[in-house]
PDB file of N, CA and C in Angstrom:
ATOM      1  N   UNK A   1     -97.676  55.854 103.968  1.00  0.00           N
ATOM      2  CA  UNK A   1     -97.018  57.007 103.377  1.00  0.00           C
ATOM      3  C   UNK A   1     -97.825  58.274 103.615  1.00  0.00           C
ATOM      4  N   UNK A   2     -99.094  58.193 103.478  1.00  0.00           N
ATOM      5  CA  UNK A   2     -99.916  59.365 103.740  1.00  0.00           C
ATOM      6  C   UNK A   2     -99.973  60.313 102.558  1.00  0.00           C
ATOM      7  N   UNK A   3    -100.320  61.545 102.857  1.00  0.00           N
ATOM      8  CA  UNK A   3    -100.506  62.546 101.814  1.00  0.00           C
ATOM      9  C   UNK A   3     -99.182  63.037 101.235  1.00  0.00           C
ATOM     10  N   UNK A   4     -98.103  62.926 102.016  1.00  0.00           N
ATOM     11  CA  UNK A   4     -96.818  63.426 101.555  1.00  0.00           C
ATOM     12  C   UNK A   4     -95.960  62.347 100.910  1.00  0.00           C
ATOM     13  N   UNK A   5     -96.504  61.169 100.682  1.00  0.00           N
ATOM     14  CA  UNK A   5     -95.760  60.075 100.063  1.00  0.00           C
ATOM     15  C   UNK A   5     -95.240  60.405  98.669  1.00  0.00           C
ATOM     16  N   UNK A   6     -96.094  60.862  97.768  1.00  0.00           N
ATOM     17  CA  UNK A   6     -95.589  61.202  96.432  1.00  0.00           C
ATOM     18  C   UNK A   6     -94.546  62.317  96.461  1.00  0.00           C
ATOM     19  N   UNK A   7     -94.702  63.274  97.364  1.00  0.00           N
ATOM     20  CA  UNK A   7     -93.722  64.343  97.482  1.00  0.00           C
ATOM     21  C   UNK A   7     -92.375  63.813  97.969  1.00  0.00           C
ATOM     22  N   UNK A   8     -92.402  62.886  98.916  1.00  0.00           N
ATOM     23  CA  UNK A   8     -91.164  62.286  99.410  1.00  0.00           C
ATOM     24  C   UNK A   8     -90.487  61.471  98.323  1.00  0.00           C
ATOM     25  N   UNK A   9     -91.261  60.743  97.530  1.00  0.00           N
ATOM     26  CA  UNK A   9     -90.693  59.974  96.426  1.00  0.00           C
ATOM     27  C   UNK A   9     -90.070  60.910  95.394  1.00  0.00           C
ATOM     28  N   UNK A  10     -90.753  61.980  95.050  1.00  0.00           N
ATOM     29  CA  UNK A  10     -90.219  62.947  94.095  1.00  0.00           C
ATOM     30  C   UNK A  10     -88.944  63.589  94.617  1.00  0.00           C
ATOM     31  N   UNK A  11     -88.907  63.946  95.899  1.00  0.00           N
ATOM     32  CA  UNK A  11     -87.699  64.539  96.481  1.00  0.00           C
ATOM     33  C   UNK A  11     -86.551  63.533  96.457  1.00  0.00           C
ATOM     34  N   UNK A  12     -86.828  62.273  96.754  1.00  0.00           N
ATOM     35  CA  UNK A  12     -85.787  61.241  96.711  1.00  0.00           C
ATOM     36  C   UNK A  12     -85.237  61.028  95.311  1.00  0.00           C
ATOM     37  N   UNK A  13     -86.125  60.942  94.327  1.00  0.00           N
ATOM     38  CA  UNK A  13     -85.682  60.775  92.944  1.00  0.00           C
ATOM     39  C   UNK A  13     -84.865  61.982  92.497  1.00  0.00           C
ATOM     40  N   UNK A  14     -85.279  63.164  92.893  1.00  0.00           N
ATOM     41  CA  UNK A  14     -84.543  64.382  92.530  1.00  0.00           C
ATOM     42  C   UNK A  14     -83.156  64.391  93.157  1.00  0.00           C
ATOM     43  N   UNK A  15     -83.061  64.065  94.416  1.00  0.00           N
ATOM     44  CA  UNK A  15     -81.761  64.044  95.089  1.00  0.00           C
ATOM     45  C   UNK A  15     -80.846  62.984  94.506  1.00  0.00           C
ATOM     46  N   UNK A  16     -81.365  61.794  94.250  1.00  0.00           N
ATOM     47  CA  UNK A  16     -80.550  60.729  93.669  1.00  0.00           C
ATOM     48  C   UNK A  16     -80.107  61.104  92.257  1.00  0.00           C
ATOM     49  N   UNK A  17     -81.025  61.645  91.455  1.00  0.00           N
ATOM     50  CA  UNK A  17     -80.664  62.074  90.103  1.00  0.00           C
ATOM     51  C   UNK A  17     -79.621  63.177  90.114  1.00  0.00           C
ATOM     52  N   UNK A  18     -79.763  64.130  91.035  1.00  0.00           N
ATOM     53  CA  UNK A  18     -78.771  65.208  91.134  1.00  0.00           C
ATOM     54  C   UNK A  18     -77.414  64.660  91.550  1.00  0.00           C
ATOM     55  N   UNK A  19     -77.401  63.728  92.491  1.00  0.00           N
ATOM     56  CA  UNK A  19     -76.129  63.131  92.918  1.00  0.00           C
ATOM     57  C   UNK A  19     -75.465  62.377  91.767  1.00  0.00           C
ATOM     58  N   UNK A  20     -76.239  61.683  90.963  1.00  0.00           N
ATOM     59  CA  UNK A  20     -75.677  60.964  89.813  1.00  0.00           C
ATOM     60  C   UNK A  20     -75.090  61.941  88.805  1.00  0.00           C
ATOM     61  N   UNK A  21     -75.795  63.012  88.513  1.00  0.00           N
ATOM     62  CA  UNK A  21     -75.307  63.992  87.536  1.00  0.00           C
ATOM     63  C   UNK A  21     -74.035  64.669  88.030  1.00  0.00           C
ATOM     64  N   UNK A  22     -74.011  65.063  89.302  1.00  0.00           N
ATOM     65  CA  UNK A  22     -72.811  65.701  89.858  1.00  0.00           C
ATOM     66  C   UNK A  22     -71.650  64.712  89.867  1.00  0.00           C
ATOM     67  N   UNK A  23     -71.902  63.451  90.230  1.00  0.00           N
ATOM     68  CA  UNK A  23     -70.851  62.443  90.239  1.00  0.00           C
ATOM     69  C   UNK A  23     -70.281  62.199  88.854  1.00  0.00           C
ATOM     70  N   UNK A  24     -71.146  62.129  87.850  1.00  0.00           N
ATOM     71  CA  UNK A  24     -70.667  61.931  86.476  1.00  0.00           C
ATOM     72  C   UNK A  24     -69.874  63.131  85.981  1.00  0.00           C
ATOM     73  N   UNK A  25     -70.275  64.333  86.369  1.00  0.00           N
ATOM     74  CA  UNK A  25     -69.523  65.510  85.938  1.00  0.00           C
ATOM     75  C   UNK A  25     -68.162  65.569  86.626  1.00  0.00           C
ATOM     76  N   UNK A  26     -68.072  65.085  87.853  1.00  0.00           N
ATOM     77  CA  UNK A  26     -66.772  65.045  88.543  1.00  0.00           C
ATOM     78  C   UNK A  26     -65.849  64.023  87.892  1.00  0.00           C
ATOM     79  N   UNK A  27     -66.408  62.915  87.405  1.00  0.00           N
ATOM     80  CA  UNK A  27     -65.598  61.918  86.726  1.00  0.00           C
ATOM     81  C   UNK A  27     -65.110  62.422  85.368  1.00  0.00           C
ATOM     82  N   UNK A  28     -65.906  63.259  84.723  1.00  0.00           N
ATOM     83  CA  UNK A  28     -65.561  63.734  83.387  1.00  0.00           C
ATOM     84  C   UNK A  28     -64.436  64.755  83.406  1.00  0.00           C
ATOM     85  N   UNK A  29     -64.320  65.533  84.476  1.00  0.00           N
ATOM     86  CA  UNK A  29     -63.252  66.527  84.555  1.00  0.00           C
ATOM     87  C   UNK A  29     -62.060  65.903  85.254  1.00  0.00           C
ATOM     88  N   UNK A  30     -60.968  65.738  84.509  1.00  0.00           N
ATOM     89  CA  UNK A  30     -59.796  65.051  85.046  1.00  0.00           C
ATOM     90  C   UNK A  30     -58.594  65.963  85.208  1.00  0.00           C
ATOM     91  N   UNK A  31     -58.774  67.239  85.173  1.00  0.00           N
ATOM     92  CA  UNK A  31     -57.642  68.127  85.356  1.00  0.00           C
ATOM     93  C   UNK A  31     -58.002  69.549  84.999  1.00  0.00           C
ATOM     94  N   UNK A  32     -56.973  70.405  85.041  1.00  0.00           N
ATOM     95  CA  UNK A  32     -57.240  71.805  84.689  1.00  0.00           C
ATOM     96  C   UNK A  32     -57.541  71.935  83.197  1.00  0.00           C
ATOM     97  N   UNK A  33     -58.220  72.979  82.811  1.00  0.00           N
ATOM     98  CA  UNK A  33     -58.530  73.176  81.397  1.00  0.00           C
ATOM     99  C   UNK A  33     -57.258  73.299  80.561  1.00  0.00           C
ATOM    100  N   UNK A  34     -57.265  72.702  79.411  1.00  0.00           N
ATOM    101  CA  UNK A  34     -56.091  72.721  78.540  1.00  0.00           C
ATOM    102  C   UNK A  34     -55.933  74.092  77.891  1.00  0.00           C
ATOM    103  N   UNK A  35     -54.716  74.591  77.859  1.00  0.00           N
ATOM    104  CA  UNK A  35     -54.376  75.843  77.178  1.00  0.00           C
ATOM    105  C   UNK A  35     -55.175  77.038  77.678  1.00  0.00           C
ATOM    106  N   UNK A  36     -55.635  77.002  78.912  1.00  0.00           N
ATOM    107  CA  UNK A  36     -56.361  78.133  79.465  1.00  0.00           C
ATOM    108  C   UNK A  36     -57.763  78.296  78.912  1.00  0.00           C
ATOM    109  N   UNK A  37     -58.289  77.309  78.200  1.00  0.00           N
ATOM    110  CA  UNK A  37     -59.655  77.397  77.675  1.00  0.00           C
ATOM    111  C   UNK A  37     -60.636  77.224  78.822  1.00  0.00           C
ATOM    112  N   UNK A  38     -61.446  78.201  79.004  1.00  0.00           N
ATOM    113  CA  UNK A  38     -62.427  78.174  80.076  1.00  0.00           C
ATOM    114  C   UNK A  38     -63.808  77.940  79.488  1.00  0.00           C
ATOM    115  N   UNK A  39     -64.781  77.512  80.283  1.00  0.00           N
ATOM    116  CA  UNK A  39     -66.123  77.290  79.758  1.00  0.00           C
ATOM    117  C   UNK A  39     -66.837  78.574  79.358  1.00  0.00           C
ATOM    118  N   UNK A  40     -66.266  79.720  79.691  1.00  0.00           N
ATOM    119  CA  UNK A  40     -66.870  81.002  79.328  1.00  0.00           C
ATOM    120  C   UNK A  40     -66.814  81.196  77.818  1.00  0.00           C
ATOM    121  N   UNK A  41     -67.902  81.576  77.203  1.00  0.00           N
ATOM    122  CA  UNK A  41     -67.985  81.856  75.769  1.00  0.00           C
ATOM    123  C   UNK A  41     -67.563  80.678  74.901  1.00  0.00           C
ATOM    124  N   UNK A  42     -67.922  79.480  75.305  1.00  0.00           N
ATOM    125  CA  UNK A  42     -67.661  78.319  74.472  1.00  0.00           C
ATOM    126  C   UNK A  42     -66.187  77.944  74.393  1.00  0.00           C
ATOM    127  N   UNK A  43     -65.391  78.238  75.411  1.00  0.00           N
ATOM    128  CA  UNK A  43     -63.995  77.861  75.422  1.00  0.00           C
ATOM    129  C   UNK A  43     -63.048  78.966  75.029  1.00  0.00           C
ATOM    130  N   UNK A  44     -63.554  80.082  74.563  1.00  0.00           N
ATOM    131  CA  UNK A  44     -62.686  81.197  74.205  1.00  0.00           C
ATOM    132  C   UNK A  44     -62.227  81.921  75.457  1.00  0.00           C
ATOM    133  N   UNK A  45     -61.050  82.497  75.424  1.00  0.00           N
ATOM    134  CA  UNK A  45     -60.619  83.256  76.605  1.00  0.00           C
ATOM    135  C   UNK A  45     -61.488  84.498  76.782  1.00  0.00           C
ATOM    136  N   UNK A  46     -61.785  84.872  78.014  1.00  0.00           N
ATOM    137  CA  UNK A  46     -62.646  86.040  78.233  1.00  0.00           C
ATOM    138  C   UNK A  46     -61.970  87.319  77.754  1.00  0.00           C
ATOM    139  N   UNK A  47     -62.741  88.165  77.100  1.00  0.00           N
ATOM    140  CA  UNK A  47     -62.215  89.424  76.571  1.00  0.00           C
ATOM    141  C   UNK A  47     -62.278  90.543  77.608  1.00  0.00           C
ATOM    142  N   UNK A  48     -63.119  90.397  78.623  1.00  0.00           N
ATOM    143  CA  UNK A  48     -63.256  91.427  79.647  1.00  0.00           C
ATOM    144  C   UNK A  48     -63.451  90.758  80.997  1.00  0.00           C
ATOM    145  N   UNK A  49     -63.319  91.531  82.030  1.00  0.00           N
ATOM    146  CA  UNK A  49     -63.465  91.016  83.382  1.00  0.00           C
ATOM    147  C   UNK A  49     -64.924  90.663  83.653  1.00  0.00           C
ATOM    148  N   UNK A  50     -65.143  89.661  84.465  1.00  0.00           N
ATOM    149  CA  UNK A  50     -66.503  89.212  84.758  1.00  0.00           C
ATOM    150  C   UNK A  50     -67.328  90.261  85.488  1.00  0.00           C
ATOM    151  N   UNK A  51     -66.685  91.170  86.202  1.00  0.00           N
ATOM    152  CA  UNK A  51     -67.403  92.204  86.939  1.00  0.00           C
ATOM    153  C   UNK A  51     -67.387  93.543  86.215  1.00  0.00           C
ATOM    154  N   UNK A  52     -67.197  93.513  84.891  1.00  0.00           N
ATOM    155  CA  UNK A  52     -67.170  94.766  84.139  1.00  0.00           C
ATOM    156  C   UNK A  52     -68.554  95.406  84.135  1.00  0.00           C
ATOM    157  N   UNK A  53     -68.587  96.687  83.888  1.00  0.00           N
ATOM    158  CA  UNK A  53     -69.847  97.424  83.932  1.00  0.00           C
ATOM    159  C   UNK A  53     -70.552  97.376  82.594  1.00  0.00           C
ATOM    160  N   UNK A  54     -71.875  97.429  82.665  1.00  0.00           N
ATOM    161  CA  UNK A  54     -72.699  97.483  81.470  1.00  0.00           C
ATOM    162  C   UNK A  54     -73.071  98.933  81.192  1.00  0.00           C
ATOM    163  N   UNK A  55     -73.397  99.203  79.955  1.00  0.00           N
ATOM    164  CA  UNK A  55     -73.865 100.533  79.598  1.00  0.00           C
ATOM    165  C   UNK A  55     -75.215 100.768  80.280  1.00  0.00           C
ATOM    166  N   UNK A  56     -75.477 101.989  80.664  1.00  0.00           N
ATOM    167  CA  UNK A  56     -76.697 102.309  81.394  1.00  0.00           C
ATOM    168  C   UNK A  56     -77.943 102.028  80.557  1.00  0.00           C
ATOM    169  N   UNK A  57     -77.828 101.996  79.250  1.00  0.00           N
ATOM    170  CA  UNK A  57     -78.965 101.712  78.368  1.00  0.00           C
ATOM    171  C   UNK A  57     -79.545 100.324  78.639  1.00  0.00           C
ATOM    172  N   UNK A  58     -78.719  99.376  79.060  1.00  0.00           N
ATOM    173  CA  UNK A  58     -79.216  98.022  79.287  1.00  0.00           C
ATOM    174  C   UNK A  58     -80.181  97.956  80.452  1.00  0.00           C
ATOM    175  N   UNK A  59     -80.063  98.852  81.407  1.00  0.00           N
ATOM    176  CA  UNK A  59     -80.981  98.839  82.540  1.00  0.00           C
ATOM    177  C   UNK A  59     -82.391  99.248  82.109  1.00  0.00           C
ATOM    178  N   UNK A  60     -82.492 100.223  81.231  1.00  0.00           N
ATOM    179  CA  UNK A  60     -83.831 100.608  80.751  1.00  0.00           C
ATOM    180  C   UNK A  60     -84.416  99.517  79.873  1.00  0.00           C
ATOM    181  N   UNK A  61     -83.584  98.863  79.076  1.00  0.00           N
ATOM    182  CA  UNK A  61     -84.076  97.749  78.261  1.00  0.00           C
ATOM    183  C   UNK A  61     -84.567  96.626  79.174  1.00  0.00           C
ATOM    184  N   UNK A  62     -83.867  96.403  80.266  1.00  0.00           N
ATOM    185  CA  UNK A  62     -84.289  95.377  81.217  1.00  0.00           C
ATOM    186  C   UNK A  62     -85.633  95.724  81.833  1.00  0.00           C
ATOM    187  N   UNK A  63     -85.852  96.976  82.147  1.00  0.00           N
ATOM    188  CA  UNK A  63     -87.133  97.381  82.729  1.00  0.00           C
ATOM    189  C   UNK A  63     -88.275  97.203  81.731  1.00  0.00           C
ATOM    190  N   UNK A  64     -88.024  97.512  80.463  1.00  0.00           N
ATOM    191  CA  UNK A  64     -89.052  97.310  79.436  1.00  0.00           C
ATOM    192  C   UNK A  64     -89.338  95.818  79.283  1.00  0.00           C
ATOM    193  N   UNK A  65     -88.282  94.999  79.296  1.00  0.00           N
ATOM    194  CA  UNK A  65     -88.480  93.550  79.219  1.00  0.00           C
ATOM    195  C   UNK A  65     -89.306  93.050  80.394  1.00  0.00           C
ATOM    196  N   UNK A  66     -89.015  93.549  81.596  1.00  0.00           N
ATOM    197  CA  UNK A  66     -89.773  93.110  82.758  1.00  0.00           C
ATOM    198  C   UNK A  66     -91.239  93.522  82.665  1.00  0.00           C
ATOM    199  N   UNK A  67     -91.510  94.665  82.044  1.00  0.00           N
ATOM    200  CA  UNK A  67     -92.905  95.076  81.857  1.00  0.00           C
ATOM    201  C   UNK A  67     -93.626  94.070  80.971  1.00  0.00           C
ATOM    202  N   UNK A  68     -92.992  93.666  79.874  1.00  0.00           N
ATOM    203  CA  UNK A  68     -93.617  92.668  79.006  1.00  0.00           C
ATOM    204  C   UNK A  68     -93.680  91.307  79.688  1.00  0.00           C
ATOM    205  N   UNK A  69     -92.680  90.983  80.484  1.00  0.00           N
ATOM    206  CA  UNK A  69     -92.651  89.711  81.188  1.00  0.00           C
ATOM    207  C   UNK A  69     -93.780  89.628  82.207  1.00  0.00           C
ATOM    208  N   UNK A  70     -94.001  90.691  82.954  1.00  0.00           N
ATOM    209  CA  UNK A  70     -95.096  90.712  83.913  1.00  0.00           C
ATOM    210  C   UNK A  70     -96.436  90.573  83.209  1.00  0.00           C
ATOM    211  N   UNK A  71     -96.532  91.173  82.043  1.00  0.00           N
ATOM    212  CA  UNK A  71     -97.769  91.057  81.277  1.00  0.00           C
ATOM    213  C   UNK A  71     -98.063  89.599  80.960  1.00  0.00           C
ATOM    214  N   UNK A  72     -97.064  88.875  80.513  1.00  0.00           N
ATOM    215  CA  UNK A  72     -97.273  87.476  80.143  1.00  0.00           C
ATOM    216  C   UNK A  72     -97.524  86.594  81.358  1.00  0.00           C
ATOM    217  N   UNK A  73     -96.907  86.930  82.480  1.00  0.00           N
ATOM    218  CA  UNK A  73     -97.121  86.122  83.688  1.00  0.00           C
ATOM    219  C   UNK A  73     -98.574  86.217  84.149  1.00  0.00           C
ATOM    220  N   UNK A  74     -99.165  87.393  84.017  1.00  0.00           N
ATOM    221  CA  UNK A  74    -100.534  87.568  84.481  1.00  0.00           C
ATOM    222  C   UNK A  74    -101.592  87.236  83.429  1.00  0.00           C
ATOM    223  N   UNK A  75    -101.180  87.058  82.184  1.00  0.00           N
ATOM    224  CA  UNK A  75    -102.170  86.774  81.137  1.00  0.00           C
ATOM    225  C   UNK A  75    -102.721  85.352  81.251  1.00  0.00           C
ATOM    226  N   UNK A  76    -101.884  84.369  81.577  1.00  0.00           N
ATOM    227  CA  UNK A  76    -102.379  82.992  81.632  1.00  0.00           C
ATOM    228  C   UNK A  76    -103.410  82.785  82.738  1.00  0.00           C
ATOM    229  N   UNK A  77    -103.127  83.175  83.979  1.00  0.00           N
ATOM    230  CA  UNK A  77    -104.184  82.996  84.990  1.00  0.00           C
ATOM    231  C   UNK A  77    -105.441  83.800  84.667  1.00  0.00           C
ATOM    232  N   UNK A  78    -105.262  84.941  84.006  1.00  0.00           N
ATOM    233  CA  UNK A  78    -106.416  85.758  83.635  1.00  0.00           C
ATOM    234  C   UNK A  78    -107.313  85.003  82.672  1.00  0.00           C
ATOM    235  N   UNK A  79    -106.728  84.249  81.732  1.00  0.00           N
ATOM    236  CA  UNK A  79    -107.553  83.495  80.781  1.00  0.00           C
ATOM    237  C   UNK A  79    -108.382  82.436  81.482  1.00  0.00           C
ATOM    238  N   UNK A  80    -107.917  81.946  82.616  1.00  0.00           N
ATOM    239  CA  UNK A  80    -108.686  80.953  83.354  1.00  0.00           C
ATOM    240  C   UNK A  80    -109.791  81.583  84.192  1.00  0.00           C
ATOM    241  N   UNK A  81    -109.633  82.860  84.529  1.00  0.00           N
ATOM    242  CA  UNK A  81    -110.603  83.526  85.398  1.00  0.00           C
ATOM    243  C   UNK A  81    -111.715  84.200  84.591  1.00  0.00           C
ATOM    244  N   UNK A  82    -111.444  84.554  83.337  1.00  0.00           N
ATOM    245  CA  UNK A  82    -112.421  85.298  82.534  1.00  0.00           C
ATOM    246  C   UNK A  82    -113.785  84.609  82.456  1.00  0.00           C
ATOM    247  N   UNK A  83    -113.862  83.296  82.179  1.00  0.00           N
ATOM    248  CA  UNK A  83    -115.205  82.695  82.102  1.00  0.00           C
ATOM    249  C   UNK A  83    -115.969  82.744  83.424  1.00  0.00           C
ATOM    250  N   UNK A  84    -115.249  82.728  84.538  1.00  0.00           N
ATOM    251  CA  UNK A  84    -115.914  82.727  85.843  1.00  0.00           C
ATOM    252  C   UNK A  84    -116.314  84.141  86.255  1.00  0.00           C
ATOM    253  N   UNK A  85    -115.394  85.095  86.093  1.00  0.00           N
ATOM    254  CA  UNK A  85    -115.613  86.450  86.586  1.00  0.00           C
ATOM    255  C   UNK A  85    -116.418  87.316  85.618  1.00  0.00           C
ATOM    256  N   UNK A  86    -116.254  87.093  84.342  1.00  0.00           N
ATOM    257  CA  UNK A  86    -117.035  87.864  83.372  1.00  0.00           C
ATOM    258  C   UNK A  86    -116.356  89.156  82.949  1.00  0.00           C
ATOM    259  N   UNK A  87    -117.179  90.157  82.692  1.00  0.00           N
ATOM    260  CA  UNK A  87    -116.719  91.412  82.120  1.00  0.00           C
ATOM    261  C   UNK A  87    -115.776  92.183  83.039  1.00  0.00           C
ATOM    262  N   UNK A  88    -115.974  92.074  84.329  1.00  0.00           N
ATOM    263  CA  UNK A  88    -115.126  92.833  85.242  1.00  0.00           C
ATOM    264  C   UNK A  88    -113.657  92.422  85.121  1.00  0.00           C
ATOM    265  N   UNK A  89    -113.386  91.143  84.891  1.00  0.00           N
ATOM    266  CA  UNK A  89    -111.994  90.702  84.750  1.00  0.00           C
ATOM    267  C   UNK A  89    -111.391  91.216  83.445  1.00  0.00           C
ATOM    268  N   UNK A  90    -112.205  91.344  82.405  1.00  0.00           N
ATOM    269  CA  UNK A  90    -111.707  91.892  81.139  1.00  0.00           C
ATOM    270  C   UNK A  90    -111.341  93.364  81.317  1.00  0.00           C
ATOM    271  N   UNK A  91    -112.186  94.110  82.016  1.00  0.00           N
ATOM    272  CA  UNK A  91    -111.907  95.525  82.248  1.00  0.00           C
ATOM    273  C   UNK A  91    -110.641  95.685  83.095  1.00  0.00           C
ATOM    274  N   UNK A  92    -110.493  94.872  84.125  1.00  0.00           N
ATOM    275  CA  UNK A  92    -109.300  94.946  84.965  1.00  0.00           C
ATOM    276  C   UNK A  92    -108.037  94.619  84.180  1.00  0.00           C
ATOM    277  N   UNK A  93    -108.099  93.627  83.292  1.00  0.00           N
ATOM    278  CA  UNK A  93    -106.915  93.280  82.507  1.00  0.00           C
ATOM    279  C   UNK A  93    -106.548  94.404  81.559  1.00  0.00           C
ATOM    280  N   UNK A  94    -107.529  95.038  80.950  1.00  0.00           N
ATOM    281  CA  UNK A  94    -107.208  96.144  80.048  1.00  0.00           C
ATOM    282  C   UNK A  94    -106.655  97.346  80.821  1.00  0.00           C
ATOM    283  N   UNK A  95    -107.096  97.553  82.046  1.00  0.00           N
ATOM    284  CA  UNK A  95    -106.491  98.598  82.879  1.00  0.00           C
ATOM    285  C   UNK A  95    -105.030  98.260  83.197  1.00  0.00           C
ATOM    286  N   UNK A  96    -104.779  96.998  83.522  1.00  0.00           N
ATOM    287  CA  UNK A  96    -103.413  96.550  83.788  1.00  0.00           C
ATOM    288  C   UNK A  96    -102.538  96.730  82.551  1.00  0.00           C
ATOM    289  N   UNK A  97    -103.063  96.350  81.388  1.00  0.00           N
ATOM    290  CA  UNK A  97    -102.300  96.510  80.150  1.00  0.00           C
ATOM    291  C   UNK A  97    -102.073  97.984  79.826  1.00  0.00           C
ATOM    292  N   UNK A  98    -103.024  98.834  80.168  1.00  0.00           N
ATOM    293  CA  UNK A  98    -102.848 100.267  79.928  1.00  0.00           C
ATOM    294  C   UNK A  98    -101.732 100.830  80.800  1.00  0.00           C
ATOM    295  N   UNK A  99    -101.640 100.361  82.044  1.00  0.00           N
ATOM    296  CA  UNK A  99    -100.550 100.807  82.919  1.00  0.00           C
ATOM    297  C   UNK A  99     -99.208 100.349  82.369  1.00  0.00           C
ATOM    298  N   UNK A 100     -99.123  99.097  81.923  1.00  0.00           N
ATOM    299  CA  UNK A 100     -97.877  98.610  81.337  1.00  0.00           C
ATOM    300  C   UNK A 100     -97.544  99.353  80.046  1.00  0.00           C
ATOM    301  N   UNK A 101     -98.557  99.616  79.242  1.00  0.00           N
ATOM    302  CA  UNK A 101     -98.322 100.338  77.991  1.00  0.00           C
ATOM    303  C   UNK A 101     -97.843 101.754  78.263  1.00  0.00           C
ATOM    304  N   UNK A 102     -98.342 102.371  79.321  1.00  0.00           N
ATOM    305  CA  UNK A 102     -97.860 103.717  79.644  1.00  0.00           C
ATOM    306  C   UNK A 102     -96.376 103.682  80.027  1.00  0.00           C
ATOM    307  N   UNK A 103     -95.941 102.622  80.690  1.00  0.00           N
ATOM    308  CA  UNK A 103     -94.522 102.472  80.999  1.00  0.00           C
ATOM    309  C   UNK A 103     -93.679 102.296  79.751  1.00  0.00           C
ATOM    310  N   UNK A 104     -94.171 101.533  78.790  1.00  0.00           N
ATOM    311  CA  UNK A 104     -93.445 101.328  77.542  1.00  0.00           C
ATOM    312  C   UNK A 104     -93.408 102.623  76.727  1.00  0.00           C
ATOM    313  N   UNK A 105     -94.512 103.357  76.698  1.00  0.00           N
ATOM    314  CA  UNK A 105     -94.548 104.635  75.982  1.00  0.00           C
ATOM    315  C   UNK A 105     -93.574 105.622  76.630  1.00  0.00           C
ATOM    316  N   UNK A 106     -93.508 105.628  77.936  1.00  0.00           N
ATOM    317  CA  UNK A 106     -92.560 106.500  78.631  1.00  0.00           C
ATOM    318  C   UNK A 106     -91.123 106.130  78.263  1.00  0.00           C
ATOM    319  N   UNK A 107     -90.821 104.837  78.265  1.00  0.00           N
ATOM    320  CA  UNK A 107     -89.466 104.398  77.905  1.00  0.00           C
ATOM    321  C   UNK A 107     -89.157 104.760  76.459  1.00  0.00           C
ATOM    322  N   UNK A 108     -90.133 104.628  75.595  1.00  0.00           N
ATOM    323  CA  UNK A 108     -89.932 104.970  74.182  1.00  0.00           C
ATOM    324  C   UNK A 108     -89.678 106.476  74.041  1.00  0.00           C
ATOM    325  N   UNK A 109     -90.471 107.265  74.764  1.00  0.00           N
ATOM    326  CA  UNK A 109     -90.319 108.715  74.704  1.00  0.00           C
ATOM    327  C   UNK A 109     -88.961 109.156  75.235  1.00  0.00           C
ATOM    328  N   UNK A 110     -88.463 108.476  76.255  1.00  0.00           N
ATOM    329  CA  UNK A 110     -87.171 108.817  76.839  1.00  0.00           C
ATOM    330  C   UNK A 110     -85.997 108.291  76.014  1.00  0.00           C
ATOM    331  N   UNK A 111     -86.288 107.496  74.977  1.00  0.00           N
ATOM    332  CA  UNK A 111     -85.231 106.999  74.104  1.00  0.00           C
ATOM    333  C   UNK A 111     -84.621 105.686  74.548  1.00  0.00           C
ATOM    334  N   UNK A 112     -85.291 104.935  75.390  1.00  0.00           N
ATOM    335  CA  UNK A 112     -84.735 103.668  75.857  1.00  0.00           C
ATOM    336  C   UNK A 112     -84.688 102.639  74.747  1.00  0.00           C
ATOM    337  N   UNK A 113     -85.518 102.773  73.746  1.00  0.00           N
ATOM    338  CA  UNK A 113     -85.535 101.803  72.657  1.00  0.00           C
ATOM    339  C   UNK A 113     -84.718 102.249  71.457  1.00  0.00           C
ATOM    340  N   UNK A 114     -84.052 103.391  71.551  1.00  0.00           N
ATOM    341  CA  UNK A 114     -83.215 103.909  70.453  1.00  0.00           C
ATOM    342  C   UNK A 114     -81.782 103.434  70.686  1.00  0.00           C
ATOM    343  N   UNK A 115     -81.172 102.865  69.668  1.00  0.00           N
ATOM    344  CA  UNK A 115     -79.847 102.264  69.819  1.00  0.00           C
ATOM    345  C   UNK A 115     -78.725 103.110  69.251  1.00  0.00           C
ATOM    346  N   UNK A 116     -79.029 104.228  68.658  1.00  0.00           N
ATOM    347  CA  UNK A 116     -77.945 105.041  68.078  1.00  0.00           C
ATOM    348  C   UNK A 116     -77.711 106.294  68.867  1.00  0.00           C
TER     349      UNK A 116
END
């Protein structure tokens, strides 16, 4: 098998498991949805079109969320590097957090977090 043996086994198990799940879901659906109930919103009929537009406020909220998300993505590897790198990694992380905080302060100042 070599070095790629476990990877090949994992890929095979994944493919077989996916085929079983898809096959079972095909067996479970035996016709069109009853009374027009769609899987959208838990079976309720959709109130708006799927391609409807969002309010522009949601884009700024998304950017603020991504700022916090990036912070969390980089915090875990940073915790593993701090004992090895020392003080320089702590200073770099606080600089990174300051840049992210400046983005959040800018969004707050522009009213991205105000809902009224």
